[in-house]
């Protein structure tokens, strides 16, 4: 944002809009693909409820008797009330406070968490359109913070074509250090990777490259499970459990070491053979049409 003292007119109005209040509604841009399943008693298929059990007495605890506590040492807790949570965020509000702008390319993928669409409300259309257009043209994102569901989040506002998109980000302290994983970044020579193997892998990557089409990818596990559910309903098997099948123990390659070089060669050969076959087919078809 340009300082107000450094110009007048359009730049000044832009600052006033960005520094002021831009009313928007926040809508989750993601939805869970998990099925909403209920726990049942296998003897009579009655729903099984969740019980809050006192681990010392074994008795059920009512919601009104439950408080949240932080275990500061083994077996010792500090009890926290709703007032403690409220006072910890005296400045918290349903406002995304923009603190800076940065390049979207500078944010590593592991920081991204949950996306939300920001939709302008009455009176905020002009400022919304201006911010969206400016972010689109510059490739920048706005960095800000908000408190949701009793917890502070920080994230970035970016322009996703017709709408603004707010992505919450993980804090740096929430990410594990690579040192915890004991990952050793070995050089190519130390890993016995030959230059021709890199060249072959690059060639395969180029041949398999395609435009990003997210609609081509589906949650096939969920689709297959829903197919089984619908089939059970169709056959009136609503209270019948499918018997467990034996898992094959042979042919499991999870513990085998795969020669990546041979896999690359086979993949390139099969793709080349397929391309030649298609070309031959087109050529033969062309000759038949001419004759």
C-alpha atoms as a PDB file:
ATOM      1  CA  UNK A   1       0.000   0.000   0.000  1.00  0.00           C
ATOM      2  CA  UNK A   2       1.331   3.419  -0.906  1.00  0.00           C
ATOM      3  CA  UNK A   3       1.792   5.856   2.005  1.00  0.00           C
ATOM      4  CA  UNK A   4      -0.861   8.552   2.024  1.00  0.00           C
ATOM      5  CA  UNK A   5       1.762  11.295   2.144  1.00  0.00           C
ATOM      6  CA  UNK A   6       3.441  10.129  -1.075  1.00  0.00           C
ATOM      7  CA  UNK A   7       0.637  10.877  -3.471  1.00  0.00           C
ATOM      8  CA  UNK A   8      -2.902  11.938  -4.046  1.00  0.00           C
ATOM      9  CA  UNK A   9      -5.818  10.839  -6.146  1.00  0.00           C
ATOM     10  CA  UNK A  10      -6.006   7.158  -7.109  1.00  0.00           C
ATOM     11  CA  UNK A  11      -3.096   5.983  -4.941  1.00  0.00           C
ATOM     12  CA  UNK A  12      -4.507   7.728  -1.916  1.00  0.00           C
ATOM     13  CA  UNK A  13      -7.979   6.266  -2.400  1.00  0.00           C
ATOM     14  CA  UNK A  14      -6.449   2.813  -2.853  1.00  0.00           C
ATOM     15  CA  UNK A  15      -4.735   3.104   0.496  1.00  0.00           C
ATOM     16  CA  UNK A  16      -7.887   4.266   2.172  1.00  0.00           C
ATOM     17  CA  UNK A  17      -9.810   1.303   0.802  1.00  0.00           C
ATOM     18  CA  UNK A  18      -7.165  -1.243   1.832  1.00  0.00           C
ATOM     19  CA  UNK A  19      -6.623   0.345   5.216  1.00  0.00           C
ATOM     20  CA  UNK A  20     -10.365   0.612   5.888  1.00  0.00           C
ATOM     21  CA  UNK A  21     -13.059  -1.992   6.460  1.00  0.00           C
ATOM     22  CA  UNK A  22     -14.018  -4.266   3.574  1.00  0.00           C
ATOM     23  CA  UNK A  23     -17.208  -6.190   4.559  1.00  0.00           C
ATOM     24  CA  UNK A  24     -17.172  -9.790   3.349  1.00  0.00           C
ATOM     25  CA  UNK A  25     -18.751 -13.120   4.205  1.00  0.00           C
ATOM     26  CA  UNK A  26     -16.511 -16.146   4.704  1.00  0.00           C
ATOM     27  CA  UNK A  27     -17.592 -19.495   3.256  1.00  0.00           C
ATOM     28  CA  UNK A  28     -15.628 -22.734   3.505  1.00  0.00           C
ATOM     29  CA  UNK A  29     -14.232 -23.621   0.080  1.00  0.00           C
ATOM     30  CA  UNK A  30     -13.731 -27.294   0.976  1.00  0.00           C
ATOM     31  CA  UNK A  31     -16.066 -30.046   2.041  1.00  0.00           C
ATOM     32  CA  UNK A  32     -15.311 -33.386   3.627  1.00  0.00           C
ATOM     33  CA  UNK A  33     -15.639 -36.483   1.473  1.00  0.00           C
ATOM     34  CA  UNK A  34     -15.848 -38.737   4.527  1.00  0.00           C
ATOM     35  CA  UNK A  35     -19.106 -40.655   4.901  1.00  0.00           C
ATOM     36  CA  UNK A  36     -21.265 -39.805   7.905  1.00  0.00           C
ATOM     37  CA  UNK A  37     -21.274 -43.182   9.626  1.00  0.00           C
ATOM     38  CA  UNK A  38     -23.008 -44.160  12.862  1.00  0.00           C
ATOM     39  CA  UNK A  39     -21.701 -46.629  15.444  1.00  0.00           C
ATOM     40  CA  UNK A  40     -24.070 -49.602  15.825  1.00  0.00           C
ATOM     41  CA  UNK A  41     -24.399 -52.553  18.168  1.00  0.00           C
ATOM     42  CA  UNK A  42     -23.859 -55.633  15.941  1.00  0.00           C
ATOM     43  CA  UNK A  43     -26.345 -57.669  18.040  1.00  0.00           C
ATOM     44  CA  UNK A  44     -29.449 -55.534  17.331  1.00  0.00           C
ATOM     45  CA  UNK A  45     -28.069 -52.713  15.106  1.00  0.00           C
ATOM     46  CA  UNK A  46     -29.135 -50.045  17.577  1.00  0.00           C
ATOM     47  CA  UNK A  47     -27.086 -46.798  17.519  1.00  0.00           C
ATOM     48  CA  UNK A  48     -24.275 -46.605  20.081  1.00  0.00           C
ATOM     49  CA  UNK A  49     -23.830 -43.233  21.767  1.00  0.00           C
ATOM     50  CA  UNK A  50     -20.648 -41.573  22.985  1.00  0.00           C
ATOM     51  CA  UNK A  51     -20.254 -41.535  26.754  1.00  0.00           C
ATOM     52  CA  UNK A  52     -17.998 -39.262  28.804  1.00  0.00           C
ATOM     53  CA  UNK A  53     -16.548 -41.534  31.450  1.00  0.00           C
ATOM     54  CA  UNK A  54     -14.636 -40.448  34.567  1.00  0.00           C
ATOM     55  CA  UNK A  55     -11.446 -42.529  34.314  1.00  0.00           C
ATOM     56  CA  UNK A  56     -11.134 -42.643  38.114  1.00  0.00           C
ATOM     57  CA  UNK A  57     -14.703 -43.634  39.092  1.00  0.00           C
ATOM     58  CA  UNK A  58     -15.915 -45.201  35.840  1.00  0.00           C
ATOM     59  CA  UNK A  59     -19.131 -43.159  36.023  1.00  0.00           C
ATOM     60  CA  UNK A  60     -20.704 -41.046  33.250  1.00  0.00           C
ATOM     61  CA  UNK A  61     -19.948 -37.293  33.499  1.00  0.00           C
ATOM     62  CA  UNK A  62     -22.578 -34.742  32.451  1.00  0.00           C
ATOM     63  CA  UNK A  63     -21.581 -31.920  30.091  1.00  0.00           C
ATOM     64  CA  UNK A  64     -22.260 -29.329  32.794  1.00  0.00           C
ATOM     65  CA  UNK A  65     -19.569 -30.899  35.010  1.00  0.00           C
ATOM     66  CA  UNK A  66     -16.841 -30.876  32.358  1.00  0.00           C
ATOM     67  CA  UNK A  67     -14.095 -28.226  32.183  1.00  0.00           C
ATOM     68  CA  UNK A  68     -10.985 -28.002  30.032  1.00  0.00           C
ATOM     69  CA  UNK A  69      -7.583 -28.415  31.620  1.00  0.00           C
ATOM     70  CA  UNK A  70      -3.926 -28.151  30.642  1.00  0.00           C
ATOM     71  CA  UNK A  71      -1.577 -30.828  32.022  1.00  0.00           C
ATOM     72  CA  UNK A  72       1.450 -28.786  33.089  1.00  0.00           C
ATOM     73  CA  UNK A  73       3.078 -31.865  34.627  1.00  0.00           C
ATOM     74  CA  UNK A  74       2.164 -35.544  34.930  1.00  0.00           C
ATOM     75  CA  UNK A  75      -1.255 -35.793  36.608  1.00  0.00           C
ATOM     76  CA  UNK A  76      -1.410 -32.055  37.471  1.00  0.00           C
ATOM     77  CA  UNK A  77      -3.757 -29.708  35.603  1.00  0.00           C
ATOM     78  CA  UNK A  78      -4.650 -26.043  35.333  1.00  0.00           C
ATOM     79  CA  UNK A  79      -8.408 -25.655  34.841  1.00  0.00           C
ATOM     80  CA  UNK A  80      -9.480 -23.140  32.181  1.00  0.00           C
ATOM     81  CA  UNK A  81     -12.879 -21.481  31.985  1.00  0.00           C
ATOM     82  CA  UNK A  82     -14.580 -19.847  29.007  1.00  0.00           C
ATOM     83  CA  UNK A  83     -13.553 -16.495  30.497  1.00  0.00           C
ATOM     84  CA  UNK A  84      -9.884 -17.545  30.332  1.00  0.00           C
ATOM     85  CA  UNK A  85     -10.242 -18.269  26.616  1.00  0.00           C
ATOM     86  CA  UNK A  86     -12.094 -14.989  26.051  1.00  0.00           C
ATOM     87  CA  UNK A  87      -9.503 -12.860  27.872  1.00  0.00           C
ATOM     88  CA  UNK A  88      -6.639 -14.530  26.008  1.00  0.00           C
ATOM     89  CA  UNK A  89      -7.994 -12.850  22.870  1.00  0.00           C
ATOM     90  CA  UNK A  90      -9.258  -9.452  24.035  1.00  0.00           C
ATOM     91  CA  UNK A  91      -8.681  -8.027  20.543  1.00  0.00           C
ATOM     92  CA  UNK A  92     -10.144 -11.021  18.752  1.00  0.00           C
ATOM     93  CA  UNK A  93     -12.970 -10.345  16.336  1.00  0.00           C
ATOM     94  CA  UNK A  94     -14.416 -11.643  13.100  1.00  0.00           C
ATOM     95  CA  UNK A  95     -12.028  -9.377  11.194  1.00  0.00           C
ATOM     96  CA  UNK A  96      -9.143 -10.443   8.978  1.00  0.00           C
ATOM     97  CA  UNK A  97      -6.489  -7.881   9.824  1.00  0.00           C
ATOM     98  CA  UNK A  98      -4.142  -7.456   6.847  1.00  0.00           C
ATOM     99  CA  UNK A  99      -0.578  -6.803   7.981  1.00  0.00           C
ATOM    100  CA  UNK A 100       1.475  -7.073   4.766  1.00  0.00           C
ATOM    101  CA  UNK A 101       1.606  -8.278   1.164  1.00  0.00           C
ATOM    102  CA  UNK A 102       3.946 -10.909  -0.220  1.00  0.00           C
ATOM    103  CA  UNK A 103       4.542 -13.057  -3.289  1.00  0.00           C
ATOM    104  CA  UNK A 104       2.385 -16.194  -3.408  1.00  0.00           C
ATOM    105  CA  UNK A 105       5.344 -18.140  -4.856  1.00  0.00           C
ATOM    106  CA  UNK A 106       7.333 -17.541  -1.649  1.00  0.00           C
ATOM    107  CA  UNK A 107       4.955 -19.613   0.514  1.00  0.00           C
ATOM    108  CA  UNK A 108       5.914 -23.301   0.711  1.00  0.00           C
ATOM    109  CA  UNK A 109       3.084 -25.830   0.101  1.00  0.00           C
ATOM    110  CA  UNK A 110       3.342 -27.371   3.575  1.00  0.00           C
ATOM    111  CA  UNK A 111       2.097 -24.134   5.171  1.00  0.00           C
ATOM    112  CA  UNK A 112      -1.323 -24.190   3.461  1.00  0.00           C
ATOM    113  CA  UNK A 113      -4.204 -25.520   5.552  1.00  0.00           C
ATOM    114  CA  UNK A 114      -7.880 -24.706   4.757  1.00  0.00           C
ATOM    115  CA  UNK A 115      -9.397 -22.530   1.984  1.00  0.00           C
ATOM    116  CA  UNK A 116     -12.331 -20.114   2.405  1.00  0.00           C
ATOM    117  CA  UNK A 117     -14.172 -18.051  -0.183  1.00  0.00           C
ATOM    118  CA  UNK A 118     -14.627 -14.361   0.674  1.00  0.00           C
ATOM    119  CA  UNK A 119     -17.831 -12.933  -0.784  1.00  0.00           C
ATOM    120  CA  UNK A 120     -18.535  -9.163  -0.720  1.00  0.00           C
ATOM    121  CA  UNK A 121     -21.542  -7.949   1.230  1.00  0.00           C
ATOM    122  CA  UNK A 122     -23.620  -4.863   0.515  1.00  0.00           C
ATOM    123  CA  UNK A 123     -21.461  -1.754   0.325  1.00  0.00           C
ATOM    124  CA  UNK A 124     -18.203  -3.625  -0.150  1.00  0.00           C
ATOM    125  CA  UNK A 125     -18.396  -4.458  -3.866  1.00  0.00           C
ATOM    126  CA  UNK A 126     -16.094  -1.670  -5.102  1.00  0.00           C
ATOM    127  CA  UNK A 127     -13.337  -2.213  -2.558  1.00  0.00           C
ATOM    128  CA  UNK A 128     -13.613  -5.979  -3.077  1.00  0.00           C
ATOM    129  CA  UNK A 129     -13.220  -5.665  -6.851  1.00  0.00           C
ATOM    130  CA  UNK A 130     -10.275  -3.291  -6.471  1.00  0.00           C
ATOM    131  CA  UNK A 131      -8.382  -5.575  -4.071  1.00  0.00           C
ATOM    132  CA  UNK A 132      -9.101  -8.644  -6.210  1.00  0.00           C
ATOM    133  CA  UNK A 133      -7.905  -6.964  -9.420  1.00  0.00           C
ATOM    134  CA  UNK A 134      -4.751  -5.600  -7.794  1.00  0.00           C
ATOM    135  CA  UNK A 135      -3.824  -9.012  -6.347  1.00  0.00           C
ATOM    136  CA  UNK A 136      -4.449 -10.639  -9.728  1.00  0.00           C
ATOM    137  CA  UNK A 137      -2.229  -8.182 -11.587  1.00  0.00           C
ATOM    138  CA  UNK A 138       0.632  -8.214  -9.101  1.00  0.00           C
ATOM    139  CA  UNK A 139       0.642 -11.935  -8.211  1.00  0.00           C
ATOM    140  CA  UNK A 140       0.727 -10.944  -4.547  1.00  0.00           C
ATOM    141  CA  UNK A 141      -1.280 -12.184  -1.587  1.00  0.00           C
ATOM    142  CA  UNK A 142      -2.352 -10.282   1.514  1.00  0.00           C
ATOM    143  CA  UNK A 143      -1.093 -11.700   4.820  1.00  0.00           C
ATOM    144  CA  UNK A 144      -3.478 -11.383   7.748  1.00  0.00           C
ATOM    145  CA  UNK A 145      -4.870 -12.997  10.875  1.00  0.00           C
ATOM    146  CA  UNK A 146      -8.283 -13.858  12.303  1.00  0.00           C
ATOM    147  CA  UNK A 147      -9.704 -15.675  15.315  1.00  0.00           C
ATOM    148  CA  UNK A 148     -12.096 -18.522  14.503  1.00  0.00           C
ATOM    149  CA  UNK A 149     -13.619 -21.079  16.866  1.00  0.00           C
ATOM    150  CA  UNK A 150     -11.594 -19.802  19.788  1.00  0.00           C
ATOM    151  CA  UNK A 151      -8.240 -20.033  18.066  1.00  0.00           C
ATOM    152  CA  UNK A 152      -6.065 -17.545  16.229  1.00  0.00           C
ATOM    153  CA  UNK A 153      -5.274 -18.307  12.610  1.00  0.00           C
ATOM    154  CA  UNK A 154      -3.095 -16.499  10.165  1.00  0.00           C
ATOM    155  CA  UNK A 155      -3.345 -16.831   6.438  1.00  0.00           C
ATOM    156  CA  UNK A 156      -3.273 -15.163   3.058  1.00  0.00           C
ATOM    157  CA  UNK A 157      -5.906 -13.564   0.839  1.00  0.00           C
ATOM    158  CA  UNK A 158      -5.379 -14.255  -2.837  1.00  0.00           C
ATOM    159  CA  UNK A 159      -7.404 -13.629  -5.985  1.00  0.00           C
ATOM    160  CA  UNK A 160      -8.869 -16.856  -7.348  1.00  0.00           C
ATOM    161  CA  UNK A 161     -10.291 -15.412 -10.581  1.00  0.00           C
ATOM    162  CA  UNK A 162     -13.802 -14.049  -9.752  1.00  0.00           C
ATOM    163  CA  UNK A 163     -13.463 -14.311  -5.964  1.00  0.00           C
ATOM    164  CA  UNK A 164     -11.039 -13.634  -3.147  1.00  0.00           C
ATOM    165  CA  UNK A 165      -9.752 -16.763  -1.436  1.00  0.00           C
ATOM    166  CA  UNK A 166      -8.541 -16.797   2.168  1.00  0.00           C
ATOM    167  CA  UNK A 167      -6.235 -19.724   2.949  1.00  0.00           C
ATOM    168  CA  UNK A 168      -5.373 -20.370   6.572  1.00  0.00           C
ATOM    169  CA  UNK A 169      -1.717 -21.244   7.069  1.00  0.00           C
ATOM    170  CA  UNK A 170       0.069 -23.354   9.632  1.00  0.00           C
ATOM    171  CA  UNK A 171       2.372 -21.565  12.031  1.00  0.00           C
ATOM    172  CA  UNK A 172       6.058 -22.381  11.619  1.00  0.00           C
ATOM    173  CA  UNK A 173       6.058 -23.991  15.073  1.00  0.00           C
ATOM    174  CA  UNK A 174       3.387 -26.467  13.892  1.00  0.00           C
ATOM    175  CA  UNK A 175       5.648 -27.957  11.226  1.00  0.00           C
ATOM    176  CA  UNK A 176       8.091 -30.700  12.113  1.00  0.00           C
ATOM    177  CA  UNK A 177      11.739 -30.022  11.476  1.00  0.00           C
ATOM    178  CA  UNK A 178      13.456 -32.198   8.897  1.00  0.00           C
ATOM    179  CA  UNK A 179      16.039 -32.897  11.583  1.00  0.00           C
ATOM    180  CA  UNK A 180      13.325 -34.887  13.438  1.00  0.00           C
ATOM    181  CA  UNK A 181      13.065 -37.227  10.456  1.00  0.00           C
ATOM    182  CA  UNK A 182      16.798 -37.868  10.190  1.00  0.00           C
ATOM    183  CA  UNK A 183      16.623 -37.255   6.454  1.00  0.00           C
ATOM    184  CA  UNK A 184      20.012 -37.248   4.754  1.00  0.00           C
ATOM    185  CA  UNK A 185      20.097 -35.294   1.485  1.00  0.00           C
ATOM    186  CA  UNK A 186      22.610 -37.386  -0.432  1.00  0.00           C
ATOM    187  CA  UNK A 187      24.258 -36.063  -3.570  1.00  0.00           C
ATOM    188  CA  UNK A 188      23.578 -37.800  -6.889  1.00  0.00           C
ATOM    189  CA  UNK A 189      26.985 -39.492  -6.950  1.00  0.00           C
ATOM    190  CA  UNK A 190      26.655 -40.670  -3.363  1.00  0.00           C
ATOM    191  CA  UNK A 191      23.242 -42.148  -4.187  1.00  0.00           C
ATOM    192  CA  UNK A 192      24.692 -43.884  -7.279  1.00  0.00           C
ATOM    193  CA  UNK A 193      22.418 -41.979  -9.665  1.00  0.00           C
ATOM    194  CA  UNK A 194      23.903 -41.846 -13.181  1.00  0.00           C
ATOM    195  CA  UNK A 195      23.390 -38.835 -15.508  1.00  0.00           C
ATOM    196  CA  UNK A 196      21.618 -41.061 -18.073  1.00  0.00           C
ATOM    197  CA  UNK A 197      19.113 -42.117 -15.415  1.00  0.00           C
ATOM    198  CA  UNK A 198      18.297 -38.478 -14.697  1.00  0.00           C
ATOM    199  CA  UNK A 199      17.937 -37.808 -18.441  1.00  0.00           C
ATOM    200  CA  UNK A 200      15.615 -40.788 -18.832  1.00  0.00           C
ATOM    201  CA  UNK A 201      13.481 -39.700 -15.885  1.00  0.00           C
ATOM    202  CA  UNK A 202      13.262 -36.170 -17.325  1.00  0.00           C
ATOM    203  CA  UNK A 203      12.190 -37.564 -20.700  1.00  0.00           C
ATOM    204  CA  UNK A 204       9.455 -39.653 -19.103  1.00  0.00           C
ATOM    205  CA  UNK A 205       8.285 -36.658 -17.076  1.00  0.00           C
ATOM    206  CA  UNK A 206       8.025 -34.525 -20.219  1.00  0.00           C
ATOM    207  CA  UNK A 207       6.104 -37.231 -22.103  1.00  0.00           C
ATOM    208  CA  UNK A 208       3.671 -37.678 -19.238  1.00  0.00           C
ATOM    209  CA  UNK A 209       3.147 -33.952 -18.628  1.00  0.00           C
ATOM    210  CA  UNK A 210      -0.405 -32.646 -19.115  1.00  0.00           C
ATOM    211  CA  UNK A 211      -2.468 -29.580 -18.173  1.00  0.00           C
ATOM    212  CA  UNK A 212      -3.759 -29.600 -14.599  1.00  0.00           C
ATOM    213  CA  UNK A 213      -7.341 -30.919 -14.614  1.00  0.00           C
ATOM    214  CA  UNK A 214      -8.490 -31.415 -10.993  1.00  0.00           C
ATOM    215  CA  UNK A 215     -11.917 -32.643 -12.152  1.00  0.00           C
ATOM    216  CA  UNK A 216     -10.235 -35.796 -13.526  1.00  0.00           C
ATOM    217  CA  UNK A 217      -9.389 -37.006 -10.013  1.00  0.00           C
ATOM    218  CA  UNK A 218     -12.013 -38.652  -7.815  1.00  0.00           C
ATOM    219  CA  UNK A 219     -12.224 -40.145  -4.353  1.00  0.00           C
ATOM    220  CA  UNK A 220     -12.540 -43.677  -5.740  1.00  0.00           C
ATOM    221  CA  UNK A 221     -12.550 -45.234  -2.263  1.00  0.00           C
ATOM    222  CA  UNK A 222     -15.653 -43.214  -1.284  1.00  0.00           C
ATOM    223  CA  UNK A 223     -17.346 -43.952  -4.631  1.00  0.00           C
ATOM    224  CA  UNK A 224     -16.712 -47.697  -4.293  1.00  0.00           C
ATOM    225  CA  UNK A 225     -17.969 -47.717  -0.710  1.00  0.00           C
ATOM    226  CA  UNK A 226     -21.145 -45.834  -1.707  1.00  0.00           C
ATOM    227  CA  UNK A 227     -21.634 -48.340  -4.535  1.00  0.00           C
ATOM    228  CA  UNK A 228     -21.512 -51.199  -2.021  1.00  0.00           C
ATOM    229  CA  UNK A 229     -23.964 -49.369   0.265  1.00  0.00           C
ATOM    230  CA  UNK A 230     -26.462 -48.779  -2.562  1.00  0.00           C
ATOM    231  CA  UNK A 231     -26.154 -52.423  -3.648  1.00  0.00           C
ATOM    232  CA  UNK A 232     -26.894 -53.592  -0.080  1.00  0.00           C
ATOM    233  CA  UNK A 233     -29.964 -51.318   0.047  1.00  0.00           C
ATOM    234  CA  UNK A 234     -31.141 -52.612  -3.356  1.00  0.00           C
ATOM    235  CA  UNK A 235     -30.828 -56.221  -2.169  1.00  0.00           C
ATOM    236  CA  UNK A 236     -32.468 -55.392   1.202  1.00  0.00           C
ATOM    237  CA  UNK A 237     -29.278 -56.402   2.991  1.00  0.00           C
ATOM    238  CA  UNK A 238     -29.543 -53.483   5.396  1.00  0.00           C
ATOM    239  CA  UNK A 239     -28.784 -55.599   8.472  1.00  0.00           C
ATOM    240  CA  UNK A 240     -26.285 -58.021   6.952  1.00  0.00           C
ATOM    241  CA  UNK A 241     -22.535 -57.804   7.516  1.00  0.00           C
ATOM    242  CA  UNK A 242     -20.220 -58.709   4.657  1.00  0.00           C
ATOM    243  CA  UNK A 243     -17.877 -61.533   5.766  1.00  0.00           C
ATOM    244  CA  UNK A 244     -14.199 -60.659   5.963  1.00  0.00           C
ATOM    245  CA  UNK A 245     -12.115 -61.948   3.080  1.00  0.00           C
ATOM    246  CA  UNK A 246      -8.625 -63.353   3.587  1.00  0.00           C
ATOM    247  CA  UNK A 247      -5.936 -60.923   2.531  1.00  0.00           C
ATOM    248  CA  UNK A 248      -3.514 -62.536   0.067  1.00  0.00           C
ATOM    249  CA  UNK A 249      -0.044 -62.822   1.516  1.00  0.00           C
ATOM    250  CA  UNK A 250       1.769 -63.607  -1.724  1.00  0.00           C
ATOM    251  CA  UNK A 251       2.729 -61.040  -4.318  1.00  0.00           C
ATOM    252  CA  UNK A 252       3.082 -58.275  -1.800  1.00  0.00           C
ATOM    253  CA  UNK A 253       5.796 -55.930  -3.140  1.00  0.00           C
ATOM    254  CA  UNK A 254       5.799 -53.489  -0.248  1.00  0.00           C
ATOM    255  CA  UNK A 255       9.067 -54.909   1.077  1.00  0.00           C
ATOM    256  CA  UNK A 256      10.735 -55.365  -2.305  1.00  0.00           C
ATOM    257  CA  UNK A 257      13.309 -53.001  -3.738  1.00  0.00           C
ATOM    258  CA  UNK A 258      12.164 -51.827  -7.170  1.00  0.00           C
ATOM    259  CA  UNK A 259      14.728 -51.007  -9.848  1.00  0.00           C
ATOM    260  CA  UNK A 260      13.551 -47.568 -10.928  1.00  0.00           C
ATOM    261  CA  UNK A 261      15.801 -47.613 -13.995  1.00  0.00           C
ATOM    262  CA  UNK A 262      14.135 -50.740 -15.409  1.00  0.00           C
ATOM    263  CA  UNK A 263      10.700 -49.300 -14.681  1.00  0.00           C
ATOM    264  CA  UNK A 264      11.590 -46.118 -16.565  1.00  0.00           C
ATOM    265  CA  UNK A 265      12.883 -48.116 -19.539  1.00  0.00           C
ATOM    266  CA  UNK A 266       9.734 -50.236 -19.730  1.00  0.00           C
ATOM    267  CA  UNK A 267       7.517 -47.180 -19.415  1.00  0.00           C
ATOM    268  CA  UNK A 268       9.340 -45.294 -22.181  1.00  0.00           C
ATOM    269  CA  UNK A 269       9.339 -48.373 -24.446  1.00  0.00           C
ATOM    270  CA  UNK A 270       5.619 -48.972 -23.970  1.00  0.00           C
ATOM    271  CA  UNK A 271       4.773 -45.314 -24.590  1.00  0.00           C
ATOM    272  CA  UNK A 272       6.983 -45.251 -27.718  1.00  0.00           C
ATOM    273  CA  UNK A 273       5.379 -48.469 -29.018  1.00  0.00           C
ATOM    274  CA  UNK A 274       1.931 -47.014 -28.390  1.00  0.00           C
ATOM    275  CA  UNK A 275       2.784 -43.812 -30.240  1.00  0.00           C
ATOM    276  CA  UNK A 276       4.166 -45.792 -33.235  1.00  0.00           C
ATOM    277  CA  UNK A 277       1.060 -48.004 -33.312  1.00  0.00           C
ATOM    278  CA  UNK A 278      -1.211 -44.959 -33.319  1.00  0.00           C
ATOM    279  CA  UNK A 279       0.820 -43.344 -36.094  1.00  0.00           C
ATOM    280  CA  UNK A 280       0.702 -46.543 -38.184  1.00  0.00           C
ATOM    281  CA  UNK A 281      -3.052 -46.785 -37.671  1.00  0.00           C
ATOM    282  CA  UNK A 282      -3.574 -43.189 -38.800  1.00  0.00           C
ATOM    283  CA  UNK A 283      -1.358 -43.800 -41.858  1.00  0.00           C
ATOM    284  CA  UNK A 284      -3.248 -46.967 -42.863  1.00  0.00           C
ATOM    285  CA  UNK A 285      -6.573 -45.199 -42.394  1.00  0.00           C
ATOM    286  CA  UNK A 286      -5.403 -42.380 -44.631  1.00  0.00           C
ATOM    287  CA  UNK A 287      -4.371 -44.821 -47.400  1.00  0.00           C
ATOM    288  CA  UNK A 288      -7.750 -46.567 -47.258  1.00  0.00           C
ATOM    289  CA  UNK A 289      -9.614 -43.277 -47.599  1.00  0.00           C
ATOM    290  CA  UNK A 290      -7.484 -42.290 -50.617  1.00  0.00           C
ATOM    291  CA  UNK A 291      -8.055 -45.640 -52.306  1.00  0.00           C
END
